[in-house]
């Protein structure tokens, strides 16, 4: 007698089963974990009855209702009876391991997207439609997340996806060249990590980039929970006016016309640019950043559709800094790095979904602070898991102590710590190198002595 082989439940069914079972066991205590897990997925990742159930759960969460079997039956799916819920709940396994089930659904969807997209691309190539084949392959690889795309990196060796990816430029052409043209906003190019010791100037570098982005029509969302909106606007305007911090403070206190006029001209110029700067100066976590970014993306798309913004206008989100966006909950995570990994995944997924670039600022660890010159990519304080998610890693160094400024090498020339560096440690489509920069001691502006900024 032969025994029938039991088919393993799909990743989608296991996820839905866990939602139902946790809702049954723990009630509203698990609303937020379920909401977080659901937010990482989309209805397009489910099919048939699974999709209808996922959409019903999402609607209930939007209405602040618990997505339990009874609530689903009462408010959304009247035919969702016990015998229909049981097969889902029977697939539930270890409670609380949401990342495992979310990752499984994402991986299954990635495989489906890649298989369908590359199959269509190969069919187009077989029929001699080379342009269509390249477009289809590019779309398939960009829709897949990091794991799926990395597993098929060899595809690019066949020049199937030789489509030029649009990038967002920084103010420094030489840095853009090493970044592969600039920062990305689609596929696996949506996240960059900028690392430096405290006081070196991570925020200053980010703030110097903003006027150029606004001039190109891009919008910028700056998340900074340790100060006031006016401080960020002032720094962006001050850099644009090429004024020193103390120079501006003194000019305001004494009413110096030259300083006040220069600052006002810069403020007027920024206000006249096609792009817009939005500053969030309240406490925030990762979820808040993603919600704000989604709202700004929708607003920008509406402006583009109405002809009120350039067609290539994009959103750049700056998180200053990553520690403000990560909350370590000992009930959900055993280690701090798990909390960073969780947020890194969600940041990447949200940026890919909504089509913006996320620029994360981070501190160095002790090794980075002791390093001779620009930190390495492994010198990220408490957030090394971000290295795998980031498409670009840029480290910064500027002499800020007397020991830094007076350091010399064996020949008596200024040593590495006495110089200013922007080092590209990881760049999708770019090249790695340490670029010697300089900084204006009066204004704090960074500049490339070899090339003028755009």
Protein backbone atom coordinates (compact mmCIF):
# COMPACT_ATOMS: atom_id res chain seq x y z
CA UNK A 1 0.00 0.00 0.00
CA UNK A 2 1.39 3.39 -0.94
CA UNK A 3 1.24 6.36 1.39
CA UNK A 4 0.24 9.69 -0.07
CA UNK A 5 2.87 12.38 0.32
CA UNK A 6 1.60 15.41 2.18
CA UNK A 7 2.34 18.65 0.33
CA UNK A 8 4.19 21.20 2.45
CA UNK A 9 2.20 24.42 3.02
CA UNK A 10 3.31 27.41 1.02
CA UNK A 11 5.17 30.30 2.64
CA UNK A 12 2.07 32.44 2.12
CA UNK A 13 -0.20 29.96 3.92
CA UNK A 14 2.21 29.65 6.82
CA UNK A 15 2.33 33.43 7.21
CA UNK A 16 -1.46 33.77 7.15
CA UNK A 17 -1.79 30.84 9.57
CA UNK A 18 0.58 32.51 12.02
CA UNK A 19 -1.47 35.73 11.89
CA UNK A 20 -4.68 33.84 12.69
CA UNK A 21 -3.12 31.73 15.44
CA UNK A 22 -1.35 34.62 17.19
CA UNK A 23 -4.53 36.71 17.02
CA UNK A 24 -6.41 33.80 18.62
CA UNK A 25 -3.84 33.24 21.38
CA UNK A 26 -2.78 36.79 22.30
CA UNK A 27 -5.51 39.11 21.07
CA UNK A 28 -4.73 42.80 20.73
CA UNK A 29 -1.33 42.36 22.42
CA UNK A 30 0.05 41.26 19.04
CA UNK A 31 -1.59 43.98 16.93
CA UNK A 32 1.63 45.93 16.41
CA UNK A 33 3.87 42.94 15.54
CA UNK A 34 1.22 41.73 13.08
CA UNK A 35 0.87 45.22 11.62
CA UNK A 36 4.66 45.49 11.22
CA UNK A 37 4.88 42.10 9.51
CA UNK A 38 1.94 42.81 7.19
CA UNK A 39 3.44 46.19 6.20
CA UNK A 40 6.45 44.43 4.67
CA UNK A 41 4.28 42.44 2.26
CA UNK A 42 1.77 43.24 -0.45
CA UNK A 43 -1.35 41.57 -1.90
CA UNK A 44 0.51 40.89 -5.16
CA UNK A 45 2.58 38.32 -3.24
CA UNK A 46 -0.51 36.16 -2.64
CA UNK A 47 -2.91 34.39 -5.00
CA UNK A 48 -6.54 33.27 -4.98
CA UNK A 49 -8.07 32.66 -1.56
CA UNK A 50 -4.76 33.55 0.12
CA UNK A 51 -4.87 36.99 -1.46
CA UNK A 52 -8.47 37.61 -0.43
CA UNK A 53 -7.60 36.65 3.14
CA UNK A 54 -4.50 38.87 3.19
CA UNK A 55 -6.50 41.85 1.88
CA UNK A 56 -9.20 41.25 4.51
CA UNK A 57 -6.55 41.21 7.26
CA UNK A 58 -4.97 44.42 5.94
CA UNK A 59 -8.33 46.19 5.85
CA UNK A 60 -9.08 45.17 9.43
CA UNK A 61 -5.71 46.47 10.61
CA UNK A 62 -6.39 49.78 8.85
CA UNK A 63 -9.65 49.92 10.83
CA UNK A 64 -7.74 49.08 14.03
CA UNK A 65 -9.48 45.70 14.32
CA UNK A 66 -7.78 42.43 15.27
CA UNK A 67 -7.43 40.14 12.20
CA UNK A 68 -8.74 37.04 13.96
CA UNK A 69 -10.80 34.34 12.23
CA UNK A 70 -14.00 35.53 13.94
CA UNK A 71 -13.44 39.19 13.06
CA UNK A 72 -12.64 38.31 9.45
CA UNK A 73 -15.86 36.32 9.19
CA UNK A 74 -17.92 39.03 10.90
CA UNK A 75 -16.69 42.07 9.00
CA UNK A 76 -15.00 40.96 5.76
CA UNK A 77 -15.51 37.39 4.57
CA UNK A 78 -18.90 35.98 5.72
CA UNK A 79 -18.06 32.57 4.23
CA UNK A 80 -14.78 32.27 6.13
CA UNK A 81 -16.01 29.49 8.40
CA UNK A 82 -14.12 27.33 10.86
CA UNK A 83 -13.33 24.60 8.37
CA UNK A 84 -11.70 27.23 6.13
CA UNK A 85 -9.68 28.83 8.92
CA UNK A 86 -8.43 25.55 10.38
CA UNK A 87 -6.13 24.57 7.47
CA UNK A 88 -4.38 27.93 7.79
CA UNK A 89 -4.02 27.75 11.56
CA UNK A 90 -2.69 24.19 11.33
CA UNK A 91 0.34 25.51 9.44
CA UNK A 92 1.31 27.92 12.26
CA UNK A 93 4.65 27.13 13.83
CA UNK A 94 6.91 29.01 16.23
CA UNK A 95 5.11 32.09 17.48
CA UNK A 96 6.79 35.50 17.32
CA UNK A 97 9.31 34.60 14.60
CA UNK A 98 7.78 37.06 12.15
CA UNK A 99 10.99 37.78 10.25
CA UNK A 100 11.27 34.10 9.30
CA UNK A 101 7.80 33.98 7.76
CA UNK A 102 8.04 37.40 6.13
CA UNK A 103 11.38 36.48 4.55
CA UNK A 104 9.93 33.24 3.23
CA UNK A 105 7.06 35.07 1.51
CA UNK A 106 9.44 37.66 0.07
CA UNK A 107 11.78 34.95 -1.20
CA UNK A 108 8.92 33.07 -2.85
CA UNK A 109 7.70 36.24 -4.51
CA UNK A 110 11.22 37.11 -5.67
CA UNK A 111 11.60 33.71 -7.30
CA UNK A 112 8.23 34.07 -9.02
CA UNK A 113 9.03 37.57 -10.31
CA UNK A 114 12.47 36.53 -11.54
CA UNK A 115 11.28 33.36 -13.23
CA UNK A 116 8.39 35.09 -14.97
CA UNK A 117 10.42 38.16 -15.93
CA UNK A 118 13.49 36.35 -17.19
CA UNK A 119 11.36 33.79 -19.03
CA UNK A 120 9.61 36.65 -20.84
CA UNK A 121 12.99 38.29 -21.53
CA UNK A 122 14.44 35.09 -23.00
CA UNK A 123 11.35 34.61 -25.15
CA UNK A 124 11.71 38.18 -26.46
CA UNK A 125 15.39 37.56 -27.16
CA UNK A 126 14.55 34.33 -28.99
CA UNK A 127 12.22 36.30 -31.26
CA UNK A 128 14.92 38.86 -31.97
CA UNK A 129 13.44 41.69 -29.86
CA UNK A 130 16.66 42.69 -28.11
CA UNK A 131 15.42 46.00 -26.66
CA UNK A 132 12.34 44.33 -25.17
CA UNK A 133 14.51 41.56 -23.73
CA UNK A 134 16.81 44.03 -21.99
CA UNK A 135 13.87 46.00 -20.59
CA UNK A 136 12.08 42.89 -19.28
CA UNK A 137 15.24 41.55 -17.66
CA UNK A 138 15.99 44.89 -16.01
CA UNK A 139 12.49 45.12 -14.59
CA UNK A 140 12.66 41.58 -13.26
CA UNK A 141 15.98 42.14 -11.49
CA UNK A 142 14.96 45.52 -10.10
CA UNK A 143 11.67 44.18 -8.70
CA UNK A 144 13.44 41.36 -6.91
CA UNK A 145 15.06 42.20 -3.57
CA UNK A 146 18.75 41.86 -2.71
CA UNK A 147 18.80 38.11 -2.18
CA UNK A 148 17.10 37.28 -5.46
CA UNK A 149 19.14 39.70 -7.51
CA UNK A 150 22.45 38.71 -5.96
CA UNK A 151 21.79 35.06 -6.70
CA UNK A 152 21.51 35.95 -10.38
CA UNK A 153 24.32 38.49 -10.66
CA UNK A 154 25.85 36.34 -13.38
CA UNK A 155 23.01 37.39 -15.68
CA UNK A 156 24.66 40.76 -16.08
CA UNK A 157 27.73 39.05 -17.54
CA UNK A 158 25.67 38.30 -20.64
CA UNK A 159 24.94 42.03 -21.16
CA UNK A 160 21.23 41.28 -20.97
CA UNK A 161 20.63 44.15 -18.57
CA UNK A 162 22.94 46.77 -20.00
CA UNK A 163 20.41 49.54 -19.41
CA UNK A 164 21.84 52.70 -17.90
CA UNK A 165 20.45 53.24 -14.41
CA UNK A 166 19.44 56.79 -13.58
CA UNK A 167 21.23 58.22 -10.56
CA UNK A 168 20.92 61.24 -8.26
CA UNK A 169 24.15 63.24 -8.28
CA UNK A 170 26.03 64.62 -5.28
CA UNK A 171 27.71 68.06 -5.55
CA UNK A 172 31.10 66.47 -6.33
CA UNK A 173 31.69 65.02 -9.84
CA UNK A 174 34.65 62.90 -8.76
CA UNK A 175 32.60 61.31 -6.00
CA UNK A 176 29.73 60.71 -8.44
CA UNK A 177 32.13 58.89 -10.75
CA UNK A 178 33.16 56.53 -7.94
CA UNK A 179 29.52 55.99 -6.94
CA UNK A 180 28.72 54.82 -10.46
CA UNK A 181 27.02 58.10 -11.40
CA UNK A 182 25.48 59.00 -8.06
CA UNK A 183 22.93 57.55 -5.65
CA UNK A 184 20.12 55.28 -6.85
CA UNK A 185 16.39 55.21 -6.25
CA UNK A 186 15.33 51.85 -7.66
CA UNK A 187 16.15 48.15 -7.35
CA UNK A 188 19.12 47.44 -5.14
CA UNK A 189 20.53 51.00 -5.21
CA UNK A 190 18.09 52.65 -2.81
CA UNK A 191 20.11 52.73 0.40
CA UNK A 192 23.39 54.49 1.22
CA UNK A 193 25.29 54.58 4.50
CA UNK A 194 27.50 57.54 5.44
CA UNK A 195 29.82 56.83 8.37
CA UNK A 196 32.06 59.12 10.43
CA UNK A 197 33.13 59.88 13.96
CA UNK A 198 31.12 62.39 15.96
CA UNK A 199 31.98 65.98 14.98
CA UNK A 200 33.62 65.09 11.65
CA UNK A 201 30.75 66.48 9.60
CA UNK A 202 28.29 63.81 8.44
CA UNK A 203 25.38 66.21 8.78
CA UNK A 204 27.33 69.01 7.10
CA UNK A 205 28.07 66.83 4.07
CA UNK A 206 24.41 65.83 3.80
CA UNK A 207 23.23 69.43 4.20
CA UNK A 208 25.64 70.64 1.49
CA UNK A 209 24.03 68.23 -0.98
CA UNK A 210 20.51 69.55 -0.48
CA UNK A 211 20.63 72.79 -2.56
CA UNK A 212 21.88 70.90 -5.64
CA UNK A 213 19.11 68.34 -5.27
CA UNK A 214 16.47 71.06 -4.89
CA UNK A 215 17.84 72.80 -7.99
CA UNK A 216 17.34 69.54 -9.93
CA UNK A 217 13.70 69.43 -8.80
CA UNK A 218 14.12 66.67 -6.23
CA UNK A 219 12.38 66.76 -2.85
CA UNK A 220 14.27 66.09 0.38
CA UNK A 221 12.88 64.73 3.65
CA UNK A 222 15.35 65.35 6.50
CA UNK A 223 14.61 63.40 9.70
CA UNK A 224 16.46 64.81 12.70
CA UNK A 225 15.10 64.15 16.18
CA UNK A 226 17.77 65.99 18.17
CA UNK A 227 17.15 69.61 17.29
CA UNK A 228 14.80 72.14 15.77
CA UNK A 229 13.64 72.46 12.16
CA UNK A 230 14.95 76.01 12.03
CA UNK A 231 18.48 74.79 12.83
CA UNK A 232 18.52 72.44 9.82
CA UNK A 233 17.10 75.10 7.49
CA UNK A 234 19.66 77.58 8.82
CA UNK A 235 22.58 75.22 8.19
CA UNK A 236 21.44 74.42 4.64
CA UNK A 237 21.01 78.15 3.94
CA UNK A 238 24.31 79.06 5.63
CA UNK A 239 26.25 76.57 3.50
CA UNK A 240 24.51 77.86 0.37
CA UNK A 241 25.53 81.41 1.33
CA UNK A 242 29.12 80.27 2.17
CA UNK A 243 28.85 81.79 5.63
CA UNK A 244 30.60 80.54 8.75
CA UNK A 245 28.54 79.50 11.76
CA UNK A 246 30.15 82.09 14.04
CA UNK A 247 30.09 84.63 11.23
CA UNK A 248 26.32 84.25 10.92
CA UNK A 249 25.77 84.33 14.68
CA UNK A 250 27.87 87.49 15.05
CA UNK A 251 26.22 89.09 12.01
CA UNK A 252 22.77 88.52 13.45
CA UNK A 253 23.69 89.76 16.93
CA UNK A 254 25.34 92.93 15.59
CA UNK A 255 23.11 93.45 12.57
CA UNK A 256 25.95 93.28 10.03
CA UNK A 257 24.32 94.15 6.65
CA UNK A 258 26.79 92.15 4.52
CA UNK A 259 26.10 88.95 6.46
CA UNK A 260 22.34 89.46 6.70
CA UNK A 261 22.05 90.27 2.99
CA UNK A 262 24.09 87.21 1.98
CA UNK A 263 21.95 84.93 4.14
CA UNK A 264 18.69 86.42 2.84
CA UNK A 265 19.82 86.07 -0.78
CA UNK A 266 20.63 82.41 -0.17
CA UNK A 267 17.24 81.84 1.52
CA UNK A 268 15.43 83.50 -1.42
CA UNK A 269 17.39 81.40 -3.92
CA UNK A 270 16.53 78.17 -2.10
CA UNK A 271 12.85 79.15 -1.91
CA UNK A 272 12.79 79.76 -5.68
CA UNK A 273 14.18 76.31 -6.58
CA UNK A 274 11.78 73.72 -8.01
CA UNK A 275 12.51 71.16 -5.27
CA UNK A 276 11.29 71.27 -1.68
CA UNK A 277 12.92 70.55 1.69
CA UNK A 278 10.83 68.98 4.48
CA UNK A 279 12.31 68.67 7.97
CA UNK A 280 10.91 66.32 10.62
CA UNK A 281 12.32 67.54 13.93
CA UNK A 282 10.35 65.38 16.36
CA UNK A 283 11.33 62.02 17.81
CA UNK A 284 10.96 59.25 15.27
CA UNK A 285 11.41 55.55 14.73
CA UNK A 286 11.80 53.53 11.56
CA UNK A 287 8.07 53.19 10.99
CA UNK A 288 7.57 56.96 11.27
CA UNK A 289 10.29 57.59 8.68
CA UNK A 290 8.68 55.15 6.26
CA UNK A 291 5.23 56.67 6.75
CA UNK A 292 6.53 60.19 6.15
CA UNK A 293 8.47 59.05 3.07
CA UNK A 294 5.41 57.37 1.58
CA UNK A 295 3.33 60.54 2.02
CA UNK A 296 6.03 62.71 0.42
CA UNK A 297 6.41 60.25 -2.47
CA UNK A 298 2.68 60.40 -3.17
CA UNK A 299 2.74 64.19 -3.08
CA UNK A 300 5.69 64.31 -5.46
CA UNK A 301 4.07 61.86 -7.90
CA UNK A 302 0.95 64.03 -7.93
CA UNK A 303 3.05 67.10 -8.73
CA UNK A 304 4.85 65.27 -11.54
CA UNK A 305 1.54 64.09 -13.02
CA UNK A 306 0.18 67.64 -12.85
CA UNK A 307 3.28 69.01 -14.58
CA UNK A 308 4.25 70.99 -11.46
CA UNK A 309 7.51 69.04 -10.94
CA UNK A 310 10.11 67.66 -13.40
CA UNK A 311 9.48 64.15 -14.70
CA UNK A 312 12.75 62.93 -13.18
CA UNK A 313 12.05 64.45 -9.75
CA UNK A 314 12.77 62.02 -6.91
CA UNK A 315 12.61 61.94 -3.12
CA UNK A 316 15.77 61.70 -1.04
CA UNK A 317 15.24 60.76 2.62
CA UNK A 318 18.02 61.59 5.09
CA UNK A 319 18.01 59.87 8.48
CA UNK A 320 20.31 61.71 10.89
CA UNK A 321 21.20 59.33 12.47
CA UNK A 322 20.37 55.60 12.40
CA UNK A 323 20.37 55.22 16.22
CA UNK A 324 17.35 57.54 16.38
CA UNK A 325 15.38 55.23 14.08
CA UNK A 326 16.05 51.91 15.83
CA UNK A 327 14.30 50.83 19.01
CA UNK A 328 15.61 47.80 20.84
CA UNK A 329 12.70 45.87 22.37
CA UNK A 330 13.99 42.99 24.48
CA UNK A 331 10.62 41.27 24.15
CA UNK A 332 11.02 41.07 20.38
CA UNK A 333 14.79 40.79 19.93
CA UNK A 334 17.45 38.88 21.82
CA UNK A 335 20.29 41.10 20.59
CA UNK A 336 20.61 44.74 19.57
CA UNK A 337 21.93 43.86 16.11
CA UNK A 338 18.68 41.96 15.40
CA UNK A 339 16.75 45.22 15.86
CA UNK A 340 19.07 46.95 13.38
CA UNK A 341 18.72 44.07 10.91
CA UNK A 342 14.93 44.24 11.21
CA UNK A 343 14.84 47.98 10.51
CA UNK A 344 17.42 47.69 7.70
CA UNK A 345 15.24 45.18 5.85
CA UNK A 346 12.13 47.29 6.25
CA UNK A 347 13.96 50.45 5.18
CA UNK A 348 15.23 48.78 2.02
CA UNK A 349 11.87 47.24 1.16
CA UNK A 350 10.00 50.53 1.64
CA UNK A 351 12.49 52.54 -0.45
CA UNK A 352 12.28 49.98 -3.26
CA UNK A 353 8.51 49.93 -3.15
CA UNK A 354 8.04 53.70 -3.16
CA UNK A 355 11.05 54.59 -5.34
CA UNK A 356 13.15 56.92 -3.20
CA UNK A 357 16.74 57.02 -1.97
CA UNK A 358 17.40 56.58 1.73
CA UNK A 359 20.60 58.19 3.04
CA UNK A 360 21.48 56.95 6.53
CA UNK A 361 24.06 58.67 8.72
CA UNK A 362 25.88 56.55 11.30
CA UNK A 363 28.64 56.89 13.88
CA UNK A 364 31.88 54.91 13.88
CA UNK A 365 32.86 52.45 16.57
CA UNK A 366 36.07 52.65 18.64
CA UNK A 367 38.15 51.05 15.90
CA UNK A 368 36.98 53.66 13.42
CA UNK A 369 37.87 56.47 15.78
CA UNK A 370 41.42 55.12 16.12
CA UNK A 371 41.92 54.47 12.42
CA UNK A 372 44.51 56.43 10.48
CA UNK A 373 42.32 58.25 7.99
CA UNK A 374 38.83 57.44 6.72
CA UNK A 375 37.03 54.60 8.57
CA UNK A 376 36.56 51.21 6.93
CA UNK A 377 33.05 49.94 6.16
CA UNK A 378 33.34 47.56 9.12
CA UNK A 379 33.74 50.50 11.54
CA UNK A 380 30.01 51.15 11.87
CA UNK A 381 28.88 51.53 15.48
CA UNK A 382 26.13 49.05 16.48
CA UNK A 383 24.89 48.74 12.92
CA UNK A 384 27.20 46.41 10.97
CA UNK A 385 24.16 44.54 9.64
CA UNK A 386 23.49 47.60 7.50
CA UNK A 387 26.58 46.81 5.43
CA UNK A 388 24.79 43.99 3.62
CA UNK A 389 21.72 46.09 2.86
CA UNK A 390 23.45 49.27 1.72
CA UNK A 391 24.25 49.67 -1.98
CA UNK A 392 26.70 52.46 -1.12
CA UNK A 393 28.92 52.89 1.92
CA UNK A 394 30.84 56.17 2.21
CA UNK A 395 33.13 56.94 5.14
CA UNK A 396 34.32 60.42 6.09
CA UNK A 397 37.30 61.80 7.98
CA UNK A 398 38.33 65.34 8.78
CA UNK A 399 40.96 66.44 11.33
CA UNK A 400 39.01 67.75 14.32
CA UNK A 401 41.52 67.49 17.17
CA UNK A 402 44.91 69.10 17.63
CA UNK A 403 46.50 65.64 17.45
CA UNK A 404 44.80 65.08 14.09
CA UNK A 405 45.84 68.42 12.66
CA UNK A 406 49.50 68.11 13.70
CA UNK A 407 50.05 64.46 12.72
CA UNK A 408 52.96 63.91 10.32
CA UNK A 409 54.38 60.95 8.44
CA UNK A 410 57.99 59.73 8.44
CA UNK A 411 58.99 62.44 5.97
CA UNK A 412 57.47 65.17 8.11
CA UNK A 413 54.56 65.70 5.73
CA UNK A 414 50.93 65.86 6.98
CA UNK A 415 49.81 62.36 7.97
CA UNK A 416 46.61 60.61 6.99
CA UNK A 417 44.70 61.83 10.04
CA UNK A 418 45.74 65.40 9.21
CA UNK A 419 43.92 65.20 5.87
CA UNK A 420 40.28 65.23 4.84
CA UNK A 421 38.91 62.11 3.16
CA UNK A 422 35.75 60.87 1.50
CA UNK A 423 36.21 57.14 0.99
CA UNK A 424 33.90 55.00 -1.15
CA UNK A 425 33.93 51.59 0.58
CA UNK A 426 31.04 50.02 -1.34
CA UNK A 427 29.32 51.20 -4.52
CA UNK A 428 26.93 49.34 -6.78
CA UNK A 429 28.16 50.01 -10.31
CA UNK A 430 31.02 52.22 -9.07
CA UNK A 431 34.60 51.85 -7.90
CA UNK A 432 36.21 51.86 -4.48
CA UNK A 433 38.79 54.46 -3.55
CA UNK A 434 39.82 57.03 -0.96
CA UNK A 435 39.38 60.57 -2.29
CA UNK A 436 41.35 63.34 -0.64
CA UNK A 437 39.07 66.33 -0.06
CA UNK A 438 39.43 69.56 1.86
CA UNK A 439 37.23 71.62 4.14
CA UNK A 440 36.88 75.36 4.55
CA UNK A 441 37.91 76.21 8.14
CA UNK A 442 35.62 79.26 8.16
CA UNK A 443 32.40 77.75 6.83
CA UNK A 444 32.94 74.02 7.46
CA UNK A 445 32.09 73.29 3.80
CA UNK A 446 33.62 70.18 2.23
CA UNK A 447 35.03 70.56 -1.27
CA UNK A 448 37.06 68.63 -3.82
CA UNK A 449 40.26 70.57 -4.56
CA UNK A 450 40.53 68.78 -7.92
CA UNK A 451 37.11 69.65 -9.31
CA UNK A 452 34.54 72.41 -8.90
CA UNK A 453 31.11 71.45 -7.56
CA UNK A 454 28.15 71.56 -9.94
